[in-house]
Amino acid sequence: MLTLKQIYDNREGVVAGLEKKHFKNAAEAIARVVELDGKRKSSQQQKDTAQAEMNRISKSIGMLMKEGKREEAEQAKQQTAQLKQDIARFEEAMKQAEEAQTQLLLTIPNVPYDLVPQGAAAEDNRVVRSNVGECTETSTVGNWTANVQNDNAKLPHWELAKKYNLIDFDLGVKITGAGFPVYIGQGAQLQRALINFFLAEANKAGYTEIMPPTVVNAASGYGTGQLPDKEGQMYHCEVDDLYLIPTAEVPVTNLYRDVILEEAQLPVKNCAYTECFRREAGSYGKDVRGLNRLHEFSKIEIVRIDTPEHSDASHHEMLDHVEGLLKKLELPYRVLRLCGGDMSFTAAICYDFEVYSEAQHRWLEVSSVSNFDTYQANRLKCRYRRQEDKKVVLCHTLNGSALALPRIVAALLENNQTEEGIHIPAALQPYMGCEWID
């Protein structure tokens, strides 16, 4: 949630940033926030004035009674009674203005950093790094092509899954519905190997593993910004008013809701393996076939809580970590800096990692690594105490997939298929216990 300080310090910049994210009526929304804050301040001032007057009159009542001025004392009592009513009315006006302001701020997205490129959709994202082709800072997805092999003889992963009896999509439909696959034999083994590999790499990088709940309350959803923005995309357990998590970012970041950390504790580095649940309403067609878009999937998430001064360095360390995983898995990948129109509601800056599918001839997103600045921390009231002056200020929060499994599995199967079987990358073999799926 944007802070009032952000708005007052740079109102024009905030509006321009929201427009970069294609947030409609940005100027009007910010003007309304300021108007409501003015009403809150005015009511606060009226309340304080009335409270001071009531205190002054209340002190005089005893003296008037001692002096035998009963009539004046009674008038004073009547005045205090009226002032009490006025104070209650001013408090209610303050409360209403503050609640309206908070509800409005919850619907306003984060302001993107200056580094975020202009653009409306995925084709405007910038390709900033790749291991399969040349790219520059001005290369957009729309005009960038990779030097990759397009082998028409390669089978897509859903056919390989059937050929080697790795994943049964039809059984998943029978048990639950589309988007809930059943992993079998070496398919299940591959899932477990990737989970253990990603967690081991995160541990080496200094992340503390967390095993959180996979259902959260509404307060947690609001804390990280999934609510109210993505309410329709989350599975809601209505009887208990709980939500199935779309990512481990939600429960892990909420560990620090209403917490004041010491600066010496930062950066906090956590990782977690969880199942993730997304309704993906409206998804259909070839882009969602097989493992391309699931309703339930496994993912390892890395989360950091940091100081504003160090969060950019943390962000780049997280990007290097994810890139290192893809290098060890020997997958063709590229890194995109997302444009304003393709960024999430909560991110100030975001980089996506995509791997190339040699059978589907397209790029598959496998990770998003974001810096949220103070946006989530303000919702969470996640703060730290500075060493130098003991002042309590908002943290920065960051998170990234390291990694999401479905499209990694798809790319591993499709890109490593041979006549002898599917070759397992060397880094994964100790976790898989074999070199081949055959």
Protein backbone atom coordinates (compact mmCIF):
# COMPACT_ATOMS: atom_id res chain seq x y z
CA MET A 1 0.00 0.00 0.00
CA LEU A 2 1.33 3.43 -0.90
CA THR A 3 2.28 5.62 2.02
CA LEU A 4 0.90 9.13 2.42
CA LYS A 5 4.51 10.37 2.58
CA GLN A 6 5.12 8.95 -0.92
CA ILE A 7 2.07 10.78 -2.21
CA TYR A 8 2.79 14.12 -0.53
CA ASP A 9 6.52 14.06 -1.37
CA ASN A 10 6.04 13.30 -5.08
CA ARG A 11 2.38 13.44 -6.06
CA GLU A 12 3.05 14.00 -9.77
CA GLY A 13 5.59 11.18 -9.84
CA VAL A 14 3.15 8.80 -8.16
CA VAL A 15 0.44 9.61 -10.72
CA ALA A 16 2.91 9.18 -13.60
CA GLY A 17 4.04 5.82 -12.18
CA LEU A 18 0.47 4.59 -11.84
CA GLU A 19 -0.21 5.63 -15.41
CA LYS A 20 2.87 3.61 -16.47
CA LYS A 21 1.11 0.62 -14.89
CA HIS A 22 -2.02 1.56 -16.87
CA PHE A 23 -4.01 2.19 -13.70
CA LYS A 24 -7.15 4.02 -14.77
CA ASN A 25 -8.07 7.40 -13.28
CA ALA A 26 -4.77 7.60 -11.38
CA ALA A 27 -4.91 11.37 -10.82
CA GLU A 28 -8.51 11.19 -9.56
CA ALA A 29 -7.69 8.32 -7.18
CA ILE A 30 -4.71 10.14 -5.67
CA ALA A 31 -6.73 13.36 -5.40
CA ARG A 32 -9.41 11.45 -3.50
CA VAL A 33 -6.78 9.99 -1.12
CA VAL A 34 -5.52 13.51 -0.40
CA GLU A 35 -9.10 14.80 0.05
CA LEU A 36 -9.90 12.05 2.56
CA ASP A 37 -6.68 12.75 4.42
CA GLY A 38 -7.72 16.40 4.62
CA LYS A 39 -11.06 15.40 6.10
CA ARG A 40 -9.33 13.16 8.62
CA LYS A 41 -6.94 15.93 9.65
CA SER A 42 -9.75 18.48 9.91
CA SER A 43 -11.81 16.16 12.11
CA GLN A 44 -8.73 15.41 14.21
CA GLN A 45 -8.12 19.12 14.72
CA GLN A 46 -11.77 19.73 15.66
CA LYS A 47 -11.66 16.84 18.10
CA ASP A 48 -8.44 18.06 19.71
CA THR A 49 -9.83 21.58 20.06
CA ALA A 50 -13.07 20.29 21.62
CA GLN A 51 -11.12 17.95 23.93
CA ALA A 52 -8.92 20.80 25.14
CA GLU A 53 -11.99 22.99 25.76
CA MET A 54 -13.76 20.18 27.63
CA ASN A 55 -10.68 19.60 29.81
CA ARG A 56 -10.51 23.32 30.62
CA ILE A 57 -14.19 23.52 31.55
CA SER A 58 -14.08 20.27 33.53
CA LYS A 59 -11.28 21.64 35.71
CA SER A 60 -13.35 24.75 36.46
CA ILE A 61 -16.43 22.85 37.67
CA GLY A 62 -14.91 21.86 41.02
CA MET A 63 -13.75 25.42 41.70
CA LEU A 64 -17.18 26.84 40.82
CA MET A 65 -18.83 24.38 43.20
CA LYS A 66 -16.41 25.37 46.00
CA GLU A 67 -17.23 29.01 45.39
CA GLY A 68 -20.96 28.24 45.60
CA LYS A 69 -21.58 29.13 41.97
CA ARG A 70 -23.88 26.18 41.39
CA GLU A 71 -25.74 27.67 38.44
CA GLU A 72 -22.49 28.39 36.60
CA ALA A 73 -21.25 24.90 37.50
CA GLU A 74 -24.39 23.33 36.02
CA GLN A 75 -23.92 25.36 32.83
CA ALA A 76 -20.35 24.14 32.66
CA LYS A 77 -21.54 20.52 33.03
CA GLN A 78 -23.98 21.04 30.17
CA GLN A 79 -21.17 22.45 28.05
CA THR A 80 -18.97 19.41 28.75
CA ALA A 81 -21.86 17.08 27.89
CA GLN A 82 -22.27 18.84 24.53
CA LEU A 83 -18.53 18.77 23.93
CA LYS A 84 -18.49 15.00 24.61
CA GLN A 85 -21.10 14.58 21.87
CA ASP A 86 -19.06 16.78 19.54
CA ILE A 87 -15.90 14.78 20.28
CA ALA A 88 -17.71 11.50 19.53
CA ARG A 89 -18.98 13.00 16.25
CA PHE A 90 -15.50 14.18 15.26
CA GLU A 91 -14.02 10.76 16.15
CA GLU A 92 -16.60 9.04 13.96
CA ALA A 93 -15.83 11.43 11.09
CA MET A 94 -12.11 10.69 11.54
CA LYS A 95 -12.77 6.96 11.55
CA GLN A 96 -14.93 7.09 8.42
CA ALA A 97 -12.39 9.20 6.51
CA GLU A 98 -9.51 6.94 7.57
CA GLU A 99 -11.38 3.74 6.66
CA ALA A 100 -12.42 5.16 3.27
CA GLN A 101 -8.85 6.24 2.63
CA THR A 102 -7.45 2.81 3.55
CA GLN A 103 -9.99 0.99 1.36
CA LEU A 104 -9.09 3.25 -1.55
CA LEU A 105 -5.35 2.81 -1.04
CA LEU A 106 -5.83 -0.98 -1.06
CA THR A 107 -7.12 -0.72 -4.64
CA ILE A 108 -4.18 1.41 -5.89
CA PRO A 109 -1.17 -0.57 -7.18
CA ASN A 110 2.47 0.00 -6.36
CA VAL A 111 4.40 2.67 -8.24
CA PRO A 112 7.03 1.20 -10.60
CA TYR A 113 10.66 2.27 -10.45
CA ASP A 114 12.05 4.55 -13.16
CA LEU A 115 13.98 1.57 -14.57
CA VAL A 116 10.70 -0.15 -15.49
CA PRO A 117 10.09 0.32 -19.24
CA GLN A 118 6.94 1.79 -20.70
CA GLY A 119 4.60 -0.73 -22.31
CA ALA A 120 1.16 -2.23 -22.24
CA ALA A 121 1.70 -5.98 -22.55
CA ALA A 122 4.17 -8.88 -22.63
CA GLU A 123 5.55 -8.01 -26.06
CA ASP A 124 6.87 -4.72 -24.61
CA ASN A 125 9.02 -6.44 -21.97
CA ARG A 126 12.80 -5.99 -22.30
CA VAL A 127 15.11 -8.96 -22.81
CA VAL A 128 18.08 -8.09 -20.60
CA ARG A 129 19.97 -11.39 -20.55
CA SER A 130 19.97 -14.73 -22.36
CA ASN A 131 22.20 -17.76 -22.87
CA VAL A 132 20.85 -18.51 -26.36
CA GLY A 133 21.13 -15.29 -28.35
CA GLU A 134 22.18 -11.68 -28.57
CA CYS A 135 20.15 -9.07 -26.73
CA THR A 136 20.55 -5.44 -25.68
CA GLU A 137 18.86 -3.17 -23.17
CA THR A 138 16.51 -2.01 -25.95
CA SER A 139 15.56 -5.51 -27.12
CA THR A 140 11.85 -6.03 -26.53
CA VAL A 141 10.17 -9.43 -26.64
CA GLY A 142 8.30 -8.23 -29.74
CA ASN A 143 11.47 -7.75 -31.81
CA TRP A 144 13.92 -10.19 -30.21
CA THR A 145 14.62 -13.67 -31.58
CA ALA A 146 16.79 -16.30 -29.97
CA ASN A 147 19.35 -18.55 -31.57
CA VAL A 148 17.63 -21.80 -30.65
CA GLN A 149 17.10 -25.10 -32.36
CA ASN A 150 13.61 -25.75 -33.71
CA ASP A 151 13.53 -29.51 -34.08
CA ASN A 152 10.14 -30.47 -35.45
CA ALA A 153 10.82 -34.11 -34.53
CA LYS A 154 10.78 -33.31 -30.80
CA LEU A 155 7.72 -34.54 -28.89
CA PRO A 156 5.85 -32.19 -26.53
CA HIS A 157 6.02 -33.08 -22.86
CA TRP A 158 2.43 -34.37 -22.68
CA GLU A 159 3.30 -37.02 -25.27
CA LEU A 160 6.57 -37.85 -23.54
CA ALA A 161 4.70 -38.14 -20.23
CA LYS A 162 2.42 -40.73 -21.81
CA LYS A 163 5.26 -42.55 -23.62
CA TYR A 164 7.31 -43.01 -20.44
CA ASN A 165 4.33 -43.23 -18.04
CA LEU A 166 5.42 -40.15 -16.06
CA ILE A 167 2.24 -38.07 -15.71
CA ASP A 168 -1.42 -39.05 -16.14
CA PHE A 169 -3.54 -36.01 -16.95
CA ASP A 170 -6.73 -38.06 -17.44
CA LEU A 171 -6.49 -39.56 -13.94
CA GLY A 172 -6.19 -36.06 -12.55
CA VAL A 173 -9.40 -35.08 -14.34
CA LYS A 174 -11.12 -38.17 -12.91
CA ILE A 175 -10.01 -37.44 -9.34
CA THR A 176 -10.33 -33.65 -9.30
CA GLY A 177 -10.59 -31.92 -12.67
CA ALA A 178 -8.46 -30.41 -15.43
CA GLY A 179 -5.23 -28.83 -14.21
CA PHE A 180 -4.57 -31.37 -11.43
CA PRO A 181 -2.16 -33.99 -12.90
CA VAL A 182 -1.10 -37.26 -11.28
CA TYR A 183 2.67 -37.90 -11.28
CA ILE A 184 3.72 -41.55 -11.55
CA GLY A 185 6.97 -43.46 -11.10
CA GLN A 186 9.91 -41.54 -12.49
CA GLY A 187 7.61 -38.56 -13.03
CA ALA A 188 6.98 -38.35 -9.27
CA GLN A 189 10.67 -39.04 -8.68
CA LEU A 190 11.60 -36.11 -10.95
CA GLN A 191 9.28 -33.80 -8.99
CA ARG A 192 10.85 -34.81 -5.70
CA ALA A 193 14.38 -34.53 -7.13
CA LEU A 194 13.75 -30.97 -8.32
CA ILE A 195 12.22 -29.96 -4.98
CA ASN A 196 15.21 -31.33 -3.06
CA PHE A 197 17.68 -29.79 -5.53
CA PHE A 198 16.09 -26.32 -5.31
CA LEU A 199 15.89 -26.46 -1.50
CA ALA A 200 19.50 -27.62 -1.20
CA GLU A 201 20.67 -24.78 -3.45
CA ALA A 202 18.65 -22.27 -1.42
CA ASN A 203 20.20 -23.62 1.78
CA LYS A 204 23.70 -23.19 0.30
CA ALA A 205 22.78 -19.58 -0.52
CA GLY A 206 21.89 -18.89 3.12
CA TYR A 207 18.09 -19.18 3.03
CA THR A 208 16.36 -20.61 6.09
CA GLU A 209 13.74 -23.17 5.11
CA ILE A 210 10.16 -22.61 6.30
CA MET A 211 7.31 -25.10 6.10
CA PRO A 212 4.22 -22.85 6.29
CA PRO A 213 0.48 -23.62 6.10
CA THR A 214 -0.97 -23.78 2.60
CA VAL A 215 -4.18 -22.04 3.65
CA VAL A 216 -4.22 -18.47 4.95
CA ASN A 217 -6.71 -16.02 6.40
CA ALA A 218 -7.91 -12.88 4.64
CA ALA A 219 -5.55 -10.67 6.64
CA SER A 220 -2.59 -12.53 5.14
CA GLY A 221 -4.01 -12.09 1.63
CA TYR A 222 -4.40 -8.36 2.19
CA GLY A 223 -0.92 -8.16 3.72
CA THR A 224 0.89 -9.28 0.57
CA GLY A 225 -1.58 -7.75 -1.90
CA GLN A 226 -3.36 -10.82 -3.28
CA LEU A 227 -6.53 -9.32 -1.81
CA PRO A 228 -8.46 -7.50 -3.07
CA ASP A 229 -6.56 -7.60 -6.40
CA LYS A 230 -6.66 -11.33 -7.16
CA GLU A 231 -9.61 -12.50 -5.10
CA GLY A 232 -11.23 -14.23 -8.09
CA GLN A 233 -8.05 -16.18 -8.85
CA MET A 234 -7.75 -17.73 -5.38
CA TYR A 235 -9.56 -20.80 -4.09
CA HIS A 236 -11.74 -19.67 -1.20
CA CYS A 237 -12.89 -21.96 1.61
CA GLU A 238 -16.05 -20.00 2.32
CA VAL A 239 -17.21 -21.74 5.51
CA ASP A 240 -13.97 -20.90 7.32
CA ASP A 241 -13.13 -17.79 5.26
CA LEU A 242 -9.69 -19.17 4.40
CA TYR A 243 -7.79 -19.11 1.10
CA LEU A 244 -5.58 -21.74 -0.54
CA ILE A 245 -2.25 -20.05 -1.21
CA PRO A 246 -1.30 -19.11 -4.79
CA THR A 247 2.36 -18.94 -3.71
CA ALA A 248 4.45 -19.45 -0.57
CA GLU A 249 5.14 -15.69 -0.71
CA VAL A 250 1.86 -15.18 1.15
CA PRO A 251 2.40 -17.21 4.35
CA VAL A 252 6.19 -16.68 4.51
CA THR A 253 6.05 -12.88 4.14
CA ASN A 254 3.17 -12.75 6.63
CA LEU A 255 5.47 -14.25 9.27
CA TYR A 256 6.65 -10.65 9.62
CA ARG A 257 3.23 -8.97 9.78
CA ASP A 258 3.06 -6.57 12.76
CA VAL A 259 6.72 -7.28 13.56
CA ILE A 260 9.51 -4.82 14.36
CA LEU A 261 12.91 -6.30 13.45
CA GLU A 262 16.30 -5.05 14.49
CA GLU A 263 18.49 -3.76 11.66
CA ALA A 264 21.14 -6.34 12.59
CA GLN A 265 18.65 -9.11 11.71
CA LEU A 266 18.39 -7.92 8.10
CA PRO A 267 18.36 -9.18 5.47
CA VAL A 268 15.99 -11.96 6.50
CA LYS A 269 16.31 -14.80 3.95
CA ASN A 270 13.64 -17.52 3.89
CA CYS A 271 12.73 -20.24 1.41
CA ALA A 272 9.77 -22.61 1.31
CA TYR A 273 8.47 -25.52 -0.72
CA THR A 274 4.67 -25.60 -0.96
CA GLU A 275 1.91 -26.69 -3.22
CA CYS A 276 0.32 -23.65 -4.90
CA PHE A 277 -3.29 -23.28 -6.01
CA ARG A 278 -4.60 -20.95 -8.73
CA ARG A 279 -8.01 -20.93 -10.32
CA GLU A 280 -6.62 -19.51 -13.58
CA ALA A 281 -10.16 -18.51 -14.58
CA GLY A 282 -10.58 -17.97 -18.31
CA SER A 283 -7.45 -19.92 -19.31
CA TYR A 284 -7.89 -22.16 -22.32
CA GLY A 285 -6.28 -23.27 -25.57
CA LYS A 286 -2.88 -24.67 -26.55
CA ASP A 287 -1.01 -22.44 -24.10
CA VAL A 288 -2.51 -24.33 -21.16
CA ARG A 289 -2.04 -27.87 -22.46
CA GLY A 290 -0.20 -30.38 -20.29
CA LEU A 291 1.92 -28.71 -17.61
CA ASN A 292 1.81 -25.25 -19.18
CA ARG A 293 -0.83 -23.91 -16.77
CA LEU A 294 -2.05 -25.88 -13.76
CA HIS A 295 -4.46 -25.27 -10.90
CA GLU A 296 -2.16 -27.06 -8.43
CA PHE A 297 1.61 -27.17 -8.72
CA SER A 298 4.79 -27.37 -6.65
CA LYS A 299 7.05 -24.36 -6.19
CA ILE A 300 10.02 -23.28 -4.13
CA GLU A 301 9.86 -19.61 -3.15
CA ILE A 302 12.62 -17.36 -1.84
CA VAL A 303 11.62 -14.35 0.29
CA ARG A 304 13.72 -11.51 1.65
CA ILE A 305 13.04 -8.73 4.14
CA ASP A 306 15.64 -5.99 3.87
CA THR A 307 16.53 -2.35 4.43
CA PRO A 308 15.74 0.20 1.71
CA GLU A 309 19.45 0.84 1.23
CA HIS A 310 20.29 -2.83 0.55
CA SER A 311 17.16 -4.11 -1.19
CA ASP A 312 18.46 -3.47 -4.72
CA ALA A 313 21.56 -5.54 -3.97
CA SER A 314 19.32 -8.25 -2.51
CA HIS A 315 17.21 -8.21 -5.66
CA HIS A 316 20.25 -8.79 -7.87
CA GLU A 317 21.49 -11.57 -5.60
CA MET A 318 18.12 -13.28 -5.99
CA LEU A 319 18.30 -12.89 -9.78
CA ASP A 320 21.79 -14.43 -9.79
CA HIS A 321 20.51 -17.32 -7.66
CA VAL A 322 17.66 -18.16 -10.05
CA GLU A 323 19.94 -17.81 -13.08
CA GLY A 324 22.41 -20.17 -11.42
CA LEU A 325 19.70 -22.82 -11.05
CA LEU A 326 18.84 -22.65 -14.74
CA LYS A 327 22.51 -22.88 -15.69
CA LYS A 328 22.93 -26.00 -13.54
CA LEU A 329 19.86 -27.53 -15.17
CA GLU A 330 21.46 -26.76 -18.57
CA LEU A 331 18.29 -25.12 -19.89
CA PRO A 332 18.09 -22.37 -22.53
CA TYR A 333 16.78 -19.28 -20.75
CA ARG A 334 16.27 -15.56 -21.02
CA VAL A 335 15.64 -12.82 -18.44
CA LEU A 336 13.01 -10.13 -19.02
CA ARG A 337 12.55 -6.80 -17.31
CA LEU A 338 8.78 -6.40 -17.27
CA CYS A 339 7.15 -3.27 -18.61
CA GLY A 340 4.67 -1.28 -16.54
CA GLY A 341 1.60 -2.82 -18.15
CA ASP A 342 2.74 -6.42 -17.55
CA MET A 343 3.85 -6.06 -13.93
CA SER A 344 1.97 -7.37 -10.93
CA PHE A 345 -0.21 -5.14 -8.77
CA THR A 346 2.31 -5.10 -5.93
CA ALA A 347 5.72 -5.01 -7.64
CA ALA A 348 7.92 -1.93 -7.99
CA ILE A 349 10.18 -3.81 -10.40
CA CYS A 350 10.06 -7.39 -11.66
CA TYR A 351 12.20 -9.70 -13.77
CA ASP A 352 10.81 -12.87 -15.35
CA PHE A 353 12.86 -15.92 -16.26
CA GLU A 354 11.71 -17.98 -19.23
CA VAL A 355 13.01 -21.31 -20.55
CA TYR A 356 12.74 -22.35 -24.15
CA SER A 357 10.61 -25.33 -25.12
CA GLU A 358 12.21 -27.04 -28.11
CA ALA A 359 9.09 -29.08 -28.83
CA GLN A 360 6.52 -26.31 -28.43
CA HIS A 361 8.84 -23.69 -30.02
CA ARG A 362 8.04 -21.06 -27.42
CA TRP A 363 9.23 -19.54 -24.19
CA LEU A 364 7.76 -20.71 -20.87
CA GLU A 365 7.82 -18.49 -17.78
CA VAL A 366 9.34 -20.30 -14.79
CA SER A 367 10.11 -17.51 -12.31
CA SER A 368 9.26 -13.94 -11.36
CA VAL A 369 11.64 -12.11 -9.03
CA SER A 370 10.23 -8.88 -7.61
CA ASN A 371 11.13 -6.01 -5.32
CA PHE A 372 8.03 -4.51 -3.68
CA ASP A 373 9.82 -1.59 -2.00
CA THR A 374 7.70 -0.58 1.06
CA TYR A 375 4.37 -1.48 -0.58
CA GLN A 376 3.81 -4.85 1.11
CA ALA A 377 5.58 -3.77 4.29
CA ASN A 378 3.16 -0.87 4.74
CA ARG A 379 0.20 -3.28 4.47
CA LEU A 380 1.91 -5.74 6.80
CA LYS A 381 3.27 -3.14 9.23
CA CYS A 382 6.61 -4.90 8.78
CA ARG A 383 9.23 -2.55 10.20
CA TYR A 384 12.76 -2.46 11.56
CA ARG A 385 14.60 -0.35 14.11
CA ARG A 386 17.57 1.50 12.66
CA GLN A 387 20.81 1.13 14.58
CA GLU A 388 21.99 4.70 14.17
CA ASP A 389 18.99 6.60 15.53
CA LYS A 390 16.65 3.83 16.85
CA LYS A 391 13.91 5.13 14.54
CA VAL A 392 11.35 2.51 13.43
CA VAL A 393 10.82 2.54 9.64
CA LEU A 394 9.28 0.30 6.97
CA CYS A 395 11.24 -2.60 5.52
CA HIS A 396 11.48 -3.56 1.87
CA THR A 397 10.13 -6.99 0.86
CA LEU A 398 11.25 -9.14 -2.08
CA ASN A 399 10.37 -12.57 -3.40
CA GLY A 400 10.96 -14.90 -6.32
CA SER A 401 10.26 -18.39 -7.61
CA ALA A 402 13.33 -20.59 -7.30
CA LEU A 403 11.73 -22.39 -9.03
CA ALA A 404 8.20 -23.31 -10.12
CA LEU A 405 8.24 -26.94 -11.21
CA PRO A 406 5.66 -27.57 -13.99
CA ARG A 407 7.31 -25.70 -16.87
CA ILE A 408 10.78 -26.70 -15.67
CA VAL A 409 9.65 -30.32 -15.94
CA ALA A 410 8.15 -29.62 -19.38
CA ALA A 411 11.40 -28.06 -20.63
CA LEU A 412 13.59 -30.79 -19.12
CA LEU A 413 11.54 -33.52 -20.80
CA GLU A 414 11.27 -31.80 -24.18
CA ASN A 415 14.83 -30.44 -24.45
CA ASN A 416 16.62 -33.58 -23.19
CA GLN A 417 14.76 -36.25 -25.16
CA THR A 418 16.89 -38.66 -27.21
CA GLU A 419 16.34 -41.98 -28.93
CA GLU A 420 17.64 -43.72 -25.78
CA GLY A 421 15.36 -41.82 -23.40
CA ILE A 422 15.36 -38.52 -21.53
CA HIS A 423 18.74 -37.45 -20.18
CA ILE A 424 18.90 -36.02 -16.66
CA PRO A 425 21.24 -33.00 -16.22
CA ALA A 426 24.35 -33.79 -14.18
CA ALA A 427 23.44 -31.44 -11.31
CA LEU A 428 20.10 -33.23 -10.84
CA GLN A 429 21.37 -36.81 -11.09
CA PRO A 430 22.35 -37.17 -7.38
CA TYR A 431 18.79 -36.19 -6.42
CA MET A 432 17.17 -38.29 -9.14
CA GLY A 433 19.34 -41.35 -8.52
CA CYS A 434 19.74 -42.04 -12.24
CA GLU A 435 21.02 -40.52 -15.49
CA TRP A 436 18.10 -41.45 -17.71
CA ILE A 437 14.34 -41.68 -17.84
CA ASP A 438 13.66 -44.68 -20.05
